[in-house]
Amino acid sequence: MLGRWDAGHQEAWRVLTDLSPQAAEVCWYGLRAWIEPGFKRLKRGGWPYGHTPVWTIPRAQRRWLAIALATGWLLSVGG
């Protein structure tokens, strides 16, 4: 079990993991709340990456570039 309690927070954050304290840093687990919904949107939401057949690396690279540019544009216009 890892824990973290920073100044200004009312409660400690506890994470149960099989990693050793030297190999894990509890603050990285906080990114999961941002990363996992992002993957969900990428796969099933507005960018249905999972439905696109990708048989070569160059095709996958072009697809990821298009997704990155479109996401950047949406964020710049407030989407």
Protein backbone atom coordinates (compact mmCIF):
# COMPACT_ATOMS: atom_id res chain seq x y z
CA MET A 1 0.00 0.00 0.00
CA LEU A 2 1.30 3.42 -0.97
CA GLY A 3 0.11 6.64 0.51
CA ARG A 4 0.49 10.34 -0.06
CA TRP A 5 -0.80 13.27 1.92
CA ASP A 6 0.11 16.68 0.61
CA ALA A 7 -0.40 19.99 2.30
CA GLY A 8 -3.78 21.50 1.61
CA HIS A 9 -5.60 18.17 1.22
CA GLN A 10 -8.03 16.93 3.83
CA GLU A 11 -7.27 13.23 3.40
CA ALA A 12 -4.40 10.99 2.41
CA TRP A 13 -4.50 9.16 -0.88
CA ARG A 14 -3.97 5.41 -0.52
CA VAL A 15 -3.16 3.09 -3.43
CA LEU A 16 -2.95 -0.68 -3.25
CA THR A 17 -0.27 -2.01 -5.62
CA ASP A 18 2.01 -5.00 -6.07
CA LEU A 19 5.00 -2.75 -6.86
CA SER A 20 7.67 -2.00 -4.31
CA PRO A 21 7.79 1.53 -2.89
CA GLN A 22 11.06 2.09 -4.76
CA ALA A 23 9.48 1.09 -8.11
CA ALA A 24 6.19 2.94 -7.67
CA GLU A 25 5.37 6.57 -7.12
CA VAL A 26 1.83 7.17 -5.95
CA CYS A 27 1.45 10.46 -7.83
CA TRP A 28 1.62 8.57 -11.17
CA TYR A 29 -1.62 6.81 -10.25
CA GLY A 30 -3.34 10.20 -10.28
CA LEU A 31 -2.76 10.38 -14.03
CA ARG A 32 -4.95 7.32 -14.52
CA ALA A 33 -8.03 9.44 -13.88
CA TRP A 34 -7.03 11.43 -16.97
CA ILE A 35 -5.48 8.70 -19.15
CA GLU A 36 -8.18 6.03 -18.98
CA PRO A 37 -11.09 8.28 -20.06
CA GLY A 38 -8.83 9.54 -22.84
CA PHE A 39 -8.32 6.01 -24.15
CA LYS A 40 -12.04 5.37 -23.88
CA ARG A 41 -12.78 8.43 -26.00
CA LEU A 42 -10.06 7.44 -28.44
CA LYS A 43 -11.35 3.91 -28.89
CA ARG A 44 -15.13 4.29 -28.64
CA GLY A 45 -15.91 7.96 -28.56
CA GLY A 46 -15.21 10.69 -31.06
CA TRP A 47 -12.05 9.06 -32.49
CA PRO A 48 -12.99 5.42 -33.22
CA TYR A 49 -9.40 4.23 -33.64
CA GLY A 50 -10.31 0.61 -32.87
CA HIS A 51 -12.57 0.40 -35.94
CA THR A 52 -9.86 1.40 -38.41
CA PRO A 53 -7.85 -1.43 -39.97
CA VAL A 54 -4.16 -0.69 -39.54
CA TRP A 55 -1.87 -3.24 -41.13
CA THR A 56 1.34 -1.26 -41.45
CA ILE A 57 3.33 1.01 -39.16
CA PRO A 58 3.33 3.98 -41.58
CA ARG A 59 -0.47 3.82 -41.75
CA ALA A 60 -0.72 3.77 -37.95
CA GLN A 61 1.68 6.72 -37.75
CA ARG A 62 -0.43 8.75 -40.19
CA ARG A 63 -3.58 7.89 -38.24
CA TRP A 64 -2.01 8.97 -34.91
CA LEU A 65 -0.75 12.18 -36.51
CA ALA A 66 -4.24 12.97 -37.79
CA ILE A 67 -5.74 12.26 -34.36
CA ALA A 68 -3.10 14.42 -32.63
CA LEU A 69 -3.67 17.34 -35.01
CA ALA A 70 -7.45 17.08 -34.75
CA THR A 71 -7.29 16.90 -30.95
CA GLY A 72 -4.97 19.91 -30.83
CA TRP A 73 -7.31 21.86 -33.09
CA LEU A 74 -10.35 20.94 -30.96
CA LEU A 75 -8.60 22.06 -27.80
CA SER A 76 -7.55 25.34 -29.42
CA VAL A 77 -11.13 26.18 -30.45
CA GLY A 78 -12.65 24.95 -27.19
CA GLY A 79 -14.06 21.59 -28.29
